[in-house]
Amino acid sequence: MTRTVLVTGVSRHIGARVASVLATDPDISRVIGVDTVPPSSPPLPSLTRDGGGSLGRTEFVRVDLRSPDIAQVIAAADIDTVVHMSLVSAPSRSTGRALMKEHNVIGTMQLLGACQRSATVRRVVVRSTTAVYGSSPKDPAVFDEDVEPHDGPGHGYAKDAAEVEGYVRGFARRRPDVTVSMLRFANFMGPGVDSPVTRYFAQPVLPTVFGFDPRLQFIHEDDAVEVLRRMATEDHPGTYNVAGAGVLLLSQCVRRAGRFSLPLPSPAFRVLGEMARSAGLVEFSPEQLRLMSHGRAVDPAKLAAELGWKPKFTTAAAFDDFLHSRGLGAVLT
């Protein structure tokens, strides 16, 4: 039985929602949320004078995962379940890529080291991403969890996630008594999601790579939270793709959003991405360029079979809900 849960990354939207949902479970006695900065908006509350906060029964503790302090939190609270949500998908303008990598990789190593030394941890759930498959013209039509990418990620968030997965697999081998679940999420989509992908589709004109119309997949934030809730309260060891049913072509997304596309040669797209990134507008990273060229699709059948459950939102429905929440929609004839 899950009794005390630690959720990392609770200052961000999905992490905060997961902590909030777990805190409503009467079978869970305590939920502790950790992050480097305090949550600034619901569903988590403001801080108390001693640096802790709560929404209902959720408590907040300010911890930098790169420090050994996380081990003290796990030991002091007798944590039995860890939900690791704190991977950063894009560098901030103030901190840059180097700090992002330290947070993602070094922070995960410290967290797993603390879990390995703990006598109470019995379940670890890690948020990963389908970006670990990369995007290449040699890719299969659909990735399942056992397919190795032809051209794996070599930079950015995707590379961090691939390294994190390696450390997670090593932890699982060293602690076979711990149930380890690794979830490869498609891009989050929904009313509360703020990401490089949602910011891209909110632009009035959408640059695209000339000659390409990639397939995209999304997972609605409600379905993502439900998957994480189940994994945190049940034993489902293994690696799972998490995505809404179906795919959307980028051209279909552009039409649904009522936007104009601006096809550009690949070098021009890259230059525009660098300009937009330096201006803090949209994150056109090299991995984003590859995704916008070659796309990516994964098979979530393994997750559906394991849980006996499927996401309520298809890829198209998740995207439409995001558009509706932003007041966007097909207005072009």
Protein backbone atom coordinates (compact mmCIF):
# COMPACT_ATOMS: atom_id res chain seq x y z
CA MET A 1 0.00 0.00 0.00
CA THR A 2 1.20 3.52 -0.82
CA ARG A 3 1.51 5.51 2.41
CA THR A 4 4.00 8.36 1.96
CA VAL A 5 4.71 9.84 -1.47
CA LEU A 6 7.45 12.20 -2.61
CA VAL A 7 6.73 14.15 -5.82
CA THR A 8 9.54 16.13 -7.46
CA GLY A 9 8.98 19.09 -9.76
CA VAL A 10 5.86 20.39 -8.00
CA SER A 11 6.46 24.03 -8.96
CA ARG A 12 5.45 23.07 -12.52
CA HIS A 13 1.94 22.41 -13.72
CA ILE A 14 1.82 18.64 -14.19
CA GLY A 15 3.87 17.91 -11.07
CA ALA A 16 1.58 20.13 -8.99
CA ARG A 17 -1.51 18.40 -10.36
CA VAL A 18 -0.10 14.96 -9.59
CA ALA A 19 0.73 15.95 -6.00
CA SER A 20 -2.72 17.47 -5.57
CA VAL A 21 -4.52 14.36 -6.85
CA LEU A 22 -2.47 12.02 -4.66
CA ALA A 23 -3.20 14.20 -1.62
CA THR A 24 -6.92 13.51 -2.04
CA ASP A 25 -6.39 9.73 -1.79
CA PRO A 26 -7.53 8.61 1.68
CA ASP A 27 -5.15 5.63 1.56
CA ILE A 28 -2.13 7.94 1.31
CA SER A 29 -1.12 9.34 4.66
CA ARG A 30 1.28 12.01 3.44
CA VAL A 31 2.35 13.71 0.18
CA ILE A 32 5.54 15.77 0.08
CA GLY A 33 6.30 17.97 -2.92
CA VAL A 34 9.85 19.17 -3.58
CA ASP A 35 11.35 21.65 -6.02
CA THR A 36 14.05 24.30 -6.23
CA VAL A 37 11.49 27.12 -6.10
CA PRO A 38 8.16 27.36 -4.29
CA PRO A 39 4.96 26.84 -6.25
CA SER A 40 3.50 30.18 -7.22
CA SER A 41 -0.03 29.22 -8.16
CA PRO A 42 -2.72 26.58 -7.43
CA PRO A 43 -3.03 23.67 -7.00
CA LEU A 44 -0.19 24.12 -4.49
CA PRO A 45 -0.27 26.90 -1.89
CA SER A 46 2.00 29.64 -0.70
CA LEU A 47 4.87 28.92 1.65
CA THR A 48 4.76 29.02 5.40
CA ARG A 49 7.46 30.76 7.40
CA ASP A 50 9.55 27.60 7.72
CA GLY A 51 9.69 26.92 3.98
CA GLY A 52 6.97 24.28 3.84
CA GLY A 53 3.53 24.57 2.32
CA SER A 54 0.46 22.47 1.67
CA LEU A 55 -2.74 22.16 -0.29
CA GLY A 56 -4.94 19.89 1.72
CA ARG A 57 -2.40 17.36 2.92
CA THR A 58 0.36 18.21 0.41
CA GLU A 59 3.52 19.64 1.96
CA PHE A 60 6.16 21.61 0.09
CA VAL A 61 9.88 21.43 0.86
CA ARG A 62 12.42 23.50 -1.05
CA VAL A 63 15.17 21.12 -2.17
CA ASP A 64 17.70 21.22 -5.00
CA LEU A 65 17.94 17.64 -6.26
CA ARG A 66 21.60 18.18 -7.08
CA SER A 67 22.36 18.40 -3.36
CA PRO A 68 22.45 15.53 -0.84
CA ASP A 69 19.54 17.17 1.02
CA ILE A 70 17.02 15.04 -0.87
CA ALA A 71 18.32 11.96 0.97
CA GLN A 72 17.53 13.64 4.29
CA VAL A 73 13.97 14.36 3.16
CA ILE A 74 13.43 10.74 2.08
CA ALA A 75 14.88 9.39 5.31
CA ALA A 76 13.07 11.80 7.63
CA ALA A 77 9.63 11.17 6.09
CA ASP A 78 9.97 7.39 5.58
CA ILE A 79 9.07 7.80 1.90
CA ASP A 80 7.84 4.59 0.24
CA THR A 81 6.90 5.98 -3.21
CA VAL A 82 8.84 8.49 -5.33
CA VAL A 83 7.30 10.17 -8.39
CA HIS A 84 10.08 11.96 -10.29
CA MET A 85 8.55 14.77 -12.38
CA SER A 86 11.25 17.42 -12.35
CA LEU A 87 12.90 16.96 -15.76
CA VAL A 88 13.20 20.36 -17.44
CA SER A 89 12.34 20.33 -21.15
CA ALA A 90 13.80 23.69 -22.16
CA PRO A 91 16.54 25.91 -20.70
CA SER A 92 15.52 29.23 -19.21
CA ARG A 93 17.06 32.44 -20.54
CA SER A 94 18.61 33.17 -17.13
CA THR A 95 20.20 29.78 -16.40
CA GLY A 96 20.98 28.26 -19.79
CA ARG A 97 21.56 24.75 -21.07
CA ALA A 98 24.39 23.77 -18.68
CA LEU A 99 22.27 24.25 -15.56
CA MET A 100 19.36 22.47 -17.20
CA LYS A 101 21.54 19.41 -17.83
CA GLU A 102 22.83 19.47 -14.25
CA HIS A 103 19.30 19.61 -12.91
CA ASN A 104 18.04 16.80 -15.15
CA VAL A 105 20.96 14.37 -15.00
CA ILE A 106 22.88 15.14 -11.80
CA GLY A 107 19.62 15.77 -9.95
CA THR A 108 18.26 12.39 -11.02
CA MET A 109 21.49 10.67 -10.01
CA GLN A 110 21.29 12.20 -6.52
CA LEU A 111 17.63 11.23 -6.19
CA LEU A 112 18.23 7.63 -7.28
CA GLY A 113 21.24 7.40 -4.98
CA ALA A 114 19.04 8.47 -2.07
CA CYS A 115 16.39 5.92 -3.08
CA GLN A 116 19.01 3.19 -3.32
CA ARG A 117 20.20 3.87 0.24
CA SER A 118 16.67 4.09 1.62
CA ALA A 119 15.21 1.18 3.54
CA THR A 120 11.63 2.40 3.01
CA VAL A 121 11.36 3.21 -0.73
CA ARG A 122 9.37 0.48 -2.50
CA ARG A 123 8.17 2.19 -5.67
CA VAL A 124 9.79 4.69 -8.08
CA VAL A 125 7.94 6.31 -11.00
CA VAL A 126 9.95 8.37 -13.50
CA ARG A 127 8.60 10.76 -16.11
CA SER A 128 10.50 10.40 -19.38
CA THR A 129 9.64 11.38 -22.94
CA THR A 130 9.09 9.83 -26.35
CA ALA A 131 11.83 12.22 -27.51
CA VAL A 132 14.33 9.50 -26.47
CA TYR A 133 13.42 7.76 -29.75
CA GLY A 134 14.71 10.74 -31.71
CA SER A 135 13.34 11.80 -35.09
CA SER A 136 14.89 10.42 -38.25
CA PRO A 137 13.86 9.56 -41.82
CA LYS A 138 14.99 6.01 -41.04
CA ASP A 139 12.57 5.59 -38.14
CA PRO A 140 9.86 2.91 -38.17
CA ALA A 141 6.29 4.05 -38.70
CA VAL A 142 5.56 3.48 -35.01
CA PHE A 143 7.90 2.96 -32.06
CA ASP A 144 7.11 0.43 -29.39
CA GLU A 145 9.11 0.26 -26.18
CA ASP A 146 11.56 -2.35 -27.48
CA VAL A 147 12.53 -0.61 -30.73
CA GLU A 148 15.95 1.01 -30.75
CA PRO A 149 16.11 4.39 -32.53
CA HIS A 150 18.21 4.62 -35.69
CA ASP A 151 19.48 8.04 -34.72
CA GLY A 152 19.13 8.60 -30.99
CA PRO A 153 19.14 12.06 -29.42
CA GLY A 154 22.50 13.81 -29.26
CA HIS A 155 21.62 17.03 -27.49
CA GLY A 156 19.14 18.91 -25.34
CA TYR A 157 16.23 17.57 -23.33
CA ALA A 158 16.02 14.32 -25.30
CA LYS A 159 19.67 13.50 -24.60
CA ASP A 160 19.15 14.28 -20.90
CA ALA A 161 16.13 11.97 -20.82
CA ALA A 162 18.08 9.15 -22.50
CA GLU A 163 20.84 9.49 -19.88
CA VAL A 164 18.26 9.58 -17.09
CA GLU A 165 16.69 6.37 -18.40
CA GLY A 166 20.11 4.69 -18.29
CA TYR A 167 20.53 5.61 -14.63
CA VAL A 168 17.00 4.43 -13.86
CA ARG A 169 17.67 1.04 -15.43
CA GLY A 170 20.86 0.76 -13.38
CA PHE A 171 18.94 1.57 -10.21
CA ALA A 172 16.33 -1.08 -11.07
CA ARG A 173 19.07 -3.70 -11.41
CA ARG A 174 20.65 -2.74 -8.08
CA ARG A 175 17.33 -2.65 -6.23
CA PRO A 176 15.20 -5.47 -7.67
CA ASP A 177 12.96 -5.19 -4.60
CA VAL A 178 11.77 -1.75 -5.79
CA THR A 179 9.03 -1.46 -8.42
CA VAL A 180 10.35 0.91 -11.09
CA SER A 181 8.01 2.39 -13.70
CA MET A 182 9.34 4.57 -16.51
CA LEU A 183 6.81 6.55 -18.56
CA ARG A 184 7.69 7.93 -21.98
CA PHE A 185 5.16 10.69 -22.51
CA ALA A 186 4.27 12.25 -25.83
CA ASN A 187 4.10 16.05 -25.75
CA PHE A 188 1.72 17.25 -23.04
CA MET A 189 -1.29 19.16 -24.32
CA GLY A 190 -4.16 20.88 -22.53
CA PRO A 191 -5.46 24.13 -21.05
CA GLY A 192 -2.79 24.43 -18.37
CA VAL A 193 0.25 23.26 -20.33
CA ASP A 194 2.98 25.78 -21.15
CA SER A 195 5.71 24.15 -23.21
CA PRO A 196 7.82 24.79 -26.32
CA VAL A 197 5.16 22.96 -28.36
CA THR A 198 2.16 24.87 -27.00
CA ARG A 199 4.01 28.19 -27.38
CA TYR A 200 4.79 27.26 -30.99
CA PHE A 201 1.13 26.68 -31.85
CA ALA A 202 0.09 29.92 -30.13
CA GLN A 203 2.16 32.01 -32.59
CA PRO A 204 0.19 33.92 -35.26
CA VAL A 205 2.32 32.44 -38.06
CA LEU A 206 3.80 28.96 -37.79
CA PRO A 207 7.13 28.34 -39.52
CA THR A 208 7.43 24.86 -40.96
CA VAL A 209 10.19 22.95 -42.71
CA PHE A 210 9.67 23.08 -46.46
CA GLY A 211 8.88 19.69 -47.99
CA PHE A 212 7.94 17.97 -44.70
CA ASP A 213 4.61 17.29 -43.01
CA PRO A 214 5.50 15.38 -39.83
CA ARG A 215 3.20 13.20 -37.73
CA LEU A 216 2.71 14.43 -34.17
CA GLN A 217 1.24 12.84 -31.06
CA PHE A 218 -0.04 14.41 -27.84
CA ILE A 219 -1.21 13.28 -24.42
CA HIS A 220 -3.81 15.36 -22.63
CA GLU A 221 -2.75 16.61 -19.22
CA ASP A 222 -5.76 14.97 -17.54
CA ASP A 223 -4.78 11.56 -18.93
CA ALA A 224 -1.13 12.11 -17.99
CA VAL A 225 -2.11 12.86 -14.39
CA GLU A 226 -4.32 9.77 -14.26
CA VAL A 227 -1.50 7.52 -15.54
CA LEU A 228 0.89 8.95 -12.93
CA ARG A 229 -1.70 8.51 -10.18
CA ARG A 230 -2.15 4.85 -11.08
CA MET A 231 1.57 4.21 -11.29
CA ALA A 232 2.11 5.86 -7.90
CA THR A 233 -0.52 3.71 -6.17
CA GLU A 234 -0.14 0.38 -8.02
CA ASP A 235 2.76 -1.85 -9.02
CA HIS A 236 3.40 -1.71 -12.77
CA PRO A 237 7.11 -2.25 -13.37
CA GLY A 238 8.53 -1.57 -16.80
CA THR A 239 8.79 1.09 -19.49
CA TYR A 240 5.65 2.41 -21.15
CA ASN A 241 4.77 4.76 -24.00
CA VAL A 242 2.03 7.21 -23.05
CA ALA A 243 0.18 8.94 -25.90
CA GLY A 244 -3.33 9.67 -27.06
CA ALA A 245 -4.71 7.48 -29.84
CA GLY A 246 -4.00 8.54 -33.39
CA VAL A 247 -1.69 11.14 -34.93
CA LEU A 248 -2.05 14.59 -36.45
CA LEU A 249 -0.04 15.88 -39.36
CA LEU A 250 1.51 19.27 -38.73
CA SER A 251 -0.55 20.67 -41.60
CA GLN A 252 -3.72 19.46 -39.86
CA CYS A 253 -2.63 21.15 -36.63
CA VAL A 254 -2.04 24.42 -38.51
CA ARG A 255 -5.53 24.29 -40.05
CA ARG A 256 -7.21 23.37 -36.75
CA ALA A 257 -5.46 26.28 -35.05
CA GLY A 258 -6.62 28.69 -37.75
CA ARG A 259 -3.04 29.77 -38.35
CA PHE A 260 -0.95 30.46 -41.43
CA SER A 261 2.11 28.33 -42.09
CA LEU A 262 5.40 29.73 -43.36
CA PRO A 263 7.36 26.96 -45.12
CA LEU A 264 11.10 27.56 -44.82
CA PRO A 265 14.16 25.64 -45.99
CA SER A 266 15.73 23.72 -43.16
CA PRO A 267 18.71 26.13 -42.71
CA ALA A 268 16.35 29.12 -42.57
CA PHE A 269 14.14 27.34 -40.03
CA ARG A 270 17.22 26.75 -37.90
CA VAL A 271 18.31 30.41 -38.09
CA LEU A 272 14.80 31.59 -37.24
CA GLY A 273 14.76 29.19 -34.31
CA GLU A 274 17.99 30.61 -32.95
CA MET A 275 16.62 34.15 -33.24
CA ALA A 276 13.34 33.22 -31.55
CA ARG A 277 15.15 31.37 -28.77
CA SER A 278 17.51 34.27 -28.08
CA ALA A 279 14.51 36.61 -27.93
CA GLY A 280 12.74 34.30 -25.48
CA LEU A 281 9.77 33.79 -27.81
CA VAL A 282 9.71 30.12 -28.83
CA GLU A 283 12.08 27.22 -28.18
CA PHE A 284 13.22 26.00 -31.61
CA SER A 285 15.89 23.60 -30.40
CA PRO A 286 17.75 21.24 -32.77
CA GLU A 287 15.54 18.37 -31.54
CA GLN A 288 12.47 20.50 -32.29
CA LEU A 289 13.77 21.03 -35.83
CA ARG A 290 14.12 17.27 -36.31
CA LEU A 291 10.63 16.66 -34.90
CA MET A 292 9.20 19.30 -37.25
CA SER A 293 10.95 17.56 -40.14
CA HIS A 294 10.45 13.87 -39.51
CA GLY A 295 7.83 13.63 -36.76
CA ARG A 296 7.41 10.67 -34.44
CA ALA A 297 4.69 8.18 -33.49
CA VAL A 298 4.66 5.62 -30.68
CA ASP A 299 2.45 2.65 -29.80
CA PRO A 300 0.81 2.94 -26.34
CA ALA A 301 -0.73 -0.57 -26.48
CA LYS A 302 1.54 -1.95 -23.76
CA LEU A 303 0.28 0.64 -21.27
CA ALA A 304 -3.36 -0.04 -22.17
CA ALA A 305 -2.87 -3.77 -21.68
CA GLU A 306 -1.07 -3.29 -18.36
CA LEU A 307 -3.58 -0.89 -16.84
CA GLY A 308 -6.73 -2.08 -18.59
CA TRP A 309 -7.29 1.59 -19.39
CA LYS A 310 -6.94 3.99 -22.30
CA PRO A 311 -6.61 7.78 -22.39
CA LYS A 312 -9.95 9.58 -22.64
CA PHE A 313 -8.52 12.10 -25.10
CA THR A 314 -7.19 11.14 -28.52
CA THR A 315 -4.28 13.13 -29.92
CA ALA A 316 -6.73 15.23 -31.94
CA ALA A 317 -9.10 15.79 -28.99
CA ALA A 318 -6.22 16.84 -26.73
CA PHE A 319 -5.05 19.36 -29.32
CA ASP A 320 -8.58 20.70 -29.81
CA ASP A 321 -9.02 21.16 -26.06
CA PHE A 322 -5.80 23.15 -25.95
CA LEU A 323 -6.98 25.34 -28.84
CA HIS A 324 -10.36 25.92 -27.19
CA SER A 325 -8.73 26.95 -23.92
CA ARG A 326 -6.60 29.56 -25.73
CA GLY A 327 -9.44 30.90 -27.86
CA LEU A 328 -7.83 29.49 -30.98
CA GLY A 329 -9.57 27.63 -33.77
CA ALA A 330 -10.08 27.24 -37.49
CA VAL A 331 -11.12 30.65 -38.80
CA LEU A 332 -9.44 30.43 -42.20
CA THR A 333 -11.38 29.49 -45.32
